[in-house]
Amino acid sequence: MELLDMKKNIRGVYFDFFGTLVDSRHLLTNIWSNIAKRLGVEIAPDDSKILLGMQKQWVEINKLSKPFINLSREEVLKLDYIVLDAIGVKIKGSKDIIREEFSDVFLTGMNFCLYPGCKETLEQIQAMEIKIGVLTHASRKLCQIKMKELKILEFFDIFIHSEEFGYKKSEIEIYQIAMEAMGTMYPEKIIHIGDDVEMDVKMAQEIGMTPILFDPYMLYSIEDVITIRKLPEIMQYL
């Protein structure tokens, strides 16, 4: 997309939470690396097998008919086995190890950190008097606790948590709600930034928003989609 095409009086910018504002992927890849090691396979946290396994897992999560938090332990394990299979780790004996390694991680949010340049980028967008929102499947409680700790909560005007509206982020209705929350019926005036091709890019495109794919690990090569490696690169499109 040409830079000039983007200069159309942007009214608002939505950010995904996990994997866009907050670097949770680094935390997760380290956990999977530790799990693999305990099961006899040495694999570095930044190995593409882990990242691709996590992507496959996420695709299956978005096919679910019920919220992830309502899944049984056995259902969650089946999803975890997708990552183990991609890594090349035998599933046998992994159940307790997975539970131990993931214990309390998402309850405490420990080791979550901002991507480089995140706060500075938010400051610049706010200075332009452009509304800033978060559009995520993550819970409001977790997001706001972590955003406050990371000192970015003050930059956000709008909070769209899909679970509160009864939709998944893979459903077009949540993007309609997000558009209305921005106070405009012109979706092209809204930018949506995220790291997931299926939701953050395709769903935003479907409703008419301008998607920007955040791909810090260089996993994708997609034509006709703005792709950035670092968050400050957003500013050239505002």
Protein backbone atom coordinates (compact mmCIF):
# COMPACT_ATOMS: atom_id res chain seq x y z
CA MET A 1 0.00 0.00 0.00
CA GLU A 2 1.31 3.43 -0.95
CA LEU A 3 2.10 5.83 1.87
CA LEU A 4 -0.11 8.49 0.28
CA ASP A 5 -3.10 6.15 0.45
CA MET A 6 -2.82 6.18 4.24
CA LYS A 7 -3.04 9.94 4.63
CA LYS A 8 -6.81 10.12 5.03
CA ASN A 9 -7.53 11.81 8.34
CA ILE A 10 -7.12 8.81 10.63
CA ARG A 11 -9.59 9.04 13.54
CA GLY A 12 -8.35 6.19 15.66
CA VAL A 13 -5.81 3.42 16.12
CA TYR A 14 -6.56 0.04 17.69
CA PHE A 15 -3.82 -2.15 19.09
CA ASP A 16 -3.99 -5.84 19.84
CA PHE A 17 -2.66 -6.60 23.34
CA PHE A 18 -0.71 -9.87 23.44
CA GLY A 19 2.00 -9.96 20.80
CA THR A 20 1.60 -6.31 19.81
CA LEU A 21 1.73 -4.01 22.82
CA VAL A 22 3.01 -6.65 25.22
CA ASP A 23 5.74 -9.10 24.33
CA SER A 24 4.17 -12.26 25.67
CA ARG A 25 5.53 -14.36 22.83
CA HIS A 26 9.03 -14.20 24.27
CA LEU A 27 7.67 -15.52 27.56
CA LEU A 28 5.76 -18.33 25.85
CA THR A 29 8.61 -19.45 23.61
CA ASN A 30 10.85 -19.71 26.66
CA ILE A 31 8.23 -21.84 28.41
CA TRP A 32 7.95 -24.19 25.42
CA SER A 33 11.74 -24.39 25.19
CA ASN A 34 11.87 -25.40 28.86
CA ILE A 35 9.12 -27.99 28.38
CA ALA A 36 10.94 -29.51 25.41
CA LYS A 37 14.20 -29.64 27.36
CA ARG A 38 12.51 -31.46 30.25
CA LEU A 39 11.16 -33.95 27.72
CA GLY A 40 14.59 -34.56 26.18
CA VAL A 41 14.64 -32.17 23.22
CA GLU A 42 16.99 -29.19 23.12
CA ILE A 43 15.42 -26.31 21.19
CA ALA A 44 16.13 -22.59 21.41
CA PRO A 45 13.27 -20.24 22.37
CA ASP A 46 13.59 -18.40 19.07
CA ASP A 47 13.46 -21.56 16.95
CA SER A 48 10.84 -21.14 14.21
CA LYS A 49 9.35 -24.57 15.06
CA ILE A 50 8.06 -23.16 18.35
CA LEU A 51 6.66 -20.02 16.74
CA LEU A 52 4.94 -21.96 13.97
CA GLY A 53 3.56 -24.47 16.48
CA MET A 54 2.08 -21.61 18.49
CA GLN A 55 0.50 -20.20 15.33
CA LYS A 56 -1.08 -23.59 14.51
CA GLN A 57 -2.36 -23.79 18.07
CA TRP A 58 -3.90 -20.34 17.81
CA VAL A 59 -5.70 -21.26 14.57
CA GLU A 60 -7.34 -24.18 16.37
CA ILE A 61 -8.24 -22.04 19.38
CA ASN A 62 -10.15 -19.69 17.11
CA LYS A 63 -12.20 -22.58 15.74
CA LEU A 64 -13.57 -23.34 19.21
CA SER A 65 -17.27 -22.96 19.89
CA LYS A 66 -16.71 -21.81 23.48
CA PRO A 67 -14.32 -19.41 25.22
CA PHE A 68 -10.85 -20.71 25.99
CA ILE A 69 -11.36 -20.09 29.71
CA ASN A 70 -14.28 -22.57 29.66
CA LEU A 71 -12.22 -25.45 28.28
CA SER A 72 -11.53 -28.50 30.38
CA ARG A 73 -7.95 -29.34 31.29
CA GLU A 74 -7.99 -32.21 28.79
CA GLU A 75 -9.20 -29.90 26.01
CA VAL A 76 -6.41 -27.44 26.79
CA LEU A 77 -3.87 -30.26 26.74
CA LYS A 78 -4.96 -31.27 23.23
CA LEU A 79 -4.18 -27.72 22.12
CA ASP A 80 -0.82 -27.80 23.89
CA TYR A 81 0.02 -31.05 22.12
CA ILE A 82 -0.19 -29.18 18.80
CA VAL A 83 2.88 -27.17 19.81
CA LEU A 84 4.73 -30.24 21.09
CA ASP A 85 4.06 -32.02 17.81
CA ALA A 86 5.42 -29.06 15.82
CA ILE A 87 8.55 -29.04 17.98
CA GLY A 88 9.01 -32.78 17.56
CA VAL A 89 8.52 -33.70 21.22
CA LYS A 90 6.83 -36.92 22.32
CA ILE A 91 3.57 -36.25 24.12
CA LYS A 92 3.93 -39.13 26.60
CA GLY A 93 4.68 -37.89 30.09
CA SER A 94 4.23 -34.23 29.18
CA LYS A 95 0.97 -33.50 31.02
CA ASP A 96 2.42 -32.64 34.43
CA ILE A 97 5.41 -30.84 32.95
CA ILE A 98 3.19 -28.56 30.87
CA ARG A 99 1.07 -27.76 33.90
CA GLU A 100 4.10 -26.95 36.04
CA GLU A 101 5.75 -24.70 33.46
CA PHE A 102 2.59 -22.73 32.74
CA SER A 103 1.50 -22.53 36.38
CA ASP A 104 0.33 -19.03 37.29
CA VAL A 105 1.95 -17.39 34.25
CA PHE A 106 -1.19 -15.73 32.91
CA LEU A 107 -2.57 -15.06 36.37
CA THR A 108 0.48 -13.06 37.37
CA GLY A 109 1.55 -11.83 33.95
CA MET A 110 5.11 -12.16 35.16
CA ASN A 111 7.87 -11.13 32.78
CA PHE A 112 5.47 -9.34 30.44
CA CYS A 113 7.23 -6.38 28.87
CA LEU A 114 6.52 -3.74 26.27
CA TYR A 115 7.93 -4.04 22.78
CA PRO A 116 10.74 -1.53 22.16
CA GLY A 117 9.43 1.93 21.34
CA CYS A 118 5.88 1.15 22.46
CA LYS A 119 5.44 3.93 25.01
CA GLU A 120 7.11 6.54 22.82
CA THR A 121 4.85 5.58 19.91
CA LEU A 122 1.73 5.90 22.06
CA GLU A 123 2.89 9.32 23.26
CA GLN A 124 3.30 10.53 19.68
CA ILE A 125 -0.11 9.23 18.59
CA GLN A 126 -1.77 10.85 21.60
CA ALA A 127 -0.04 14.15 20.79
CA MET A 128 -1.68 14.01 17.34
CA GLU A 129 -5.08 13.86 19.10
CA ILE A 130 -5.86 10.50 17.53
CA LYS A 131 -7.94 8.16 19.69
CA ILE A 132 -6.15 5.05 20.88
CA GLY A 133 -7.91 1.79 21.68
CA VAL A 134 -7.12 -1.78 22.58
CA LEU A 135 -9.03 -4.56 20.81
CA THR A 136 -8.29 -7.93 22.34
CA HIS A 137 -9.55 -11.32 23.46
CA ALA A 138 -7.68 -10.86 26.74
CA SER A 139 -9.63 -10.03 29.89
CA ARG A 140 -10.12 -6.42 30.97
CA LYS A 141 -8.73 -7.20 34.43
CA LEU A 142 -5.46 -8.64 33.17
CA CYS A 143 -4.99 -5.95 30.51
CA GLN A 144 -5.58 -3.03 32.81
CA ILE A 145 -3.40 -4.45 35.59
CA LYS A 146 -0.52 -4.99 33.17
CA MET A 147 -1.05 -1.69 31.31
CA LYS A 148 -0.99 0.19 34.60
CA GLU A 149 2.17 -1.61 35.72
CA LEU A 150 3.82 -0.88 32.38
CA LYS A 151 2.67 2.77 32.56
CA ILE A 152 0.69 2.87 29.31
CA LEU A 153 -2.91 2.75 30.59
CA GLU A 154 -3.21 6.55 30.46
CA PHE A 155 -2.80 6.59 26.68
CA PHE A 156 -5.92 4.54 25.94
CA ASP A 157 -9.38 5.96 25.33
CA ILE A 158 -11.24 2.80 24.34
CA PHE A 159 -11.14 -0.78 25.61
CA ILE A 160 -12.80 -3.50 23.54
CA HIS A 161 -12.54 -6.94 25.17
CA SER A 162 -14.29 -9.45 22.92
CA GLU A 163 -15.38 -11.73 25.78
CA GLU A 164 -17.44 -8.91 27.31
CA PHE A 165 -19.56 -8.69 24.16
CA GLY A 166 -20.00 -12.42 23.66
CA TYR A 167 -17.90 -12.57 20.50
CA LYS A 168 -14.52 -13.94 19.55
CA LYS A 169 -11.95 -11.72 17.90
CA SER A 170 -12.37 -13.82 14.78
CA GLU A 171 -15.97 -12.57 14.38
CA ILE A 172 -16.81 -9.47 12.38
CA GLU A 173 -19.28 -8.21 14.98
CA ILE A 174 -16.54 -7.25 17.43
CA TYR A 175 -14.93 -5.06 14.76
CA GLN A 176 -18.27 -3.37 14.11
CA ILE A 177 -18.50 -2.61 17.84
CA ALA A 178 -14.93 -1.30 17.80
CA MET A 179 -15.67 0.98 14.86
CA GLU A 180 -18.74 2.45 16.54
CA ALA A 181 -16.76 3.00 19.75
CA MET A 182 -14.39 5.20 17.77
CA GLY A 183 -17.33 7.43 16.85
CA THR A 184 -17.09 7.00 13.11
CA MET A 185 -18.98 5.03 10.49
CA TYR A 186 -16.01 5.23 8.14
CA PRO A 187 -13.84 2.17 8.87
CA GLU A 188 -11.08 3.35 6.56
CA LYS A 189 -10.36 6.08 9.12
CA ILE A 190 -9.35 3.44 11.66
CA ILE A 191 -6.05 1.58 11.75
CA HIS A 192 -5.85 -1.81 13.43
CA ILE A 193 -2.42 -3.11 14.43
CA GLY A 194 -1.83 -6.71 15.42
CA ASP A 195 0.35 -9.77 14.99
CA ASP A 196 -2.27 -12.32 13.88
CA VAL A 197 -2.94 -12.59 10.14
CA GLU A 198 -6.34 -14.27 10.43
CA MET A 199 -7.84 -11.88 12.98
CA ASP A 200 -5.84 -8.68 13.10
CA VAL A 201 -5.41 -8.44 9.34
CA LYS A 202 -8.18 -10.34 7.55
CA MET A 203 -11.01 -9.36 9.89
CA ALA A 204 -9.95 -5.71 9.87
CA GLN A 205 -9.82 -5.83 6.07
CA GLU A 206 -13.26 -7.41 5.90
CA ILE A 207 -14.91 -4.54 7.73
CA GLY A 208 -12.87 -1.93 5.87
CA MET A 209 -10.35 -0.86 8.49
CA THR A 210 -6.73 -0.39 7.52
CA PRO A 211 -4.73 -3.29 8.97
CA ILE A 212 -1.07 -3.11 9.86
CA LEU A 213 0.63 -6.43 10.55
CA PHE A 214 3.14 -6.30 13.39
CA ASP A 215 5.70 -8.99 12.56
CA PRO A 216 8.79 -8.52 14.76
CA TYR A 217 9.92 -12.11 14.17
CA MET A 218 9.63 -11.87 10.37
CA LEU A 219 7.29 -14.86 10.09
CA TYR A 220 5.23 -13.58 7.16
CA SER A 221 5.52 -12.22 3.65
CA ILE A 222 2.11 -10.93 2.60
CA GLU A 223 1.46 -8.77 -0.43
CA ASP A 224 -0.75 -5.67 -0.20
CA VAL A 225 -0.62 -5.58 3.60
CA ILE A 226 1.43 -3.00 5.46
CA THR A 227 3.92 -4.90 7.61
CA ILE A 228 6.12 -3.39 10.30
CA ARG A 229 8.90 -4.92 12.38
CA LYS A 230 9.05 -2.18 15.03
CA LEU A 231 6.18 -0.23 16.58
CA PRO A 232 7.61 3.26 15.86
CA GLU A 233 7.25 2.47 12.15
CA ILE A 234 3.51 3.07 12.61
CA MET A 235 4.08 6.82 12.66
CA GLN A 236 4.82 7.06 8.95
CA TYR A 237 1.21 5.99 8.26
CA LEU A 238 -0.45 8.62 10.45
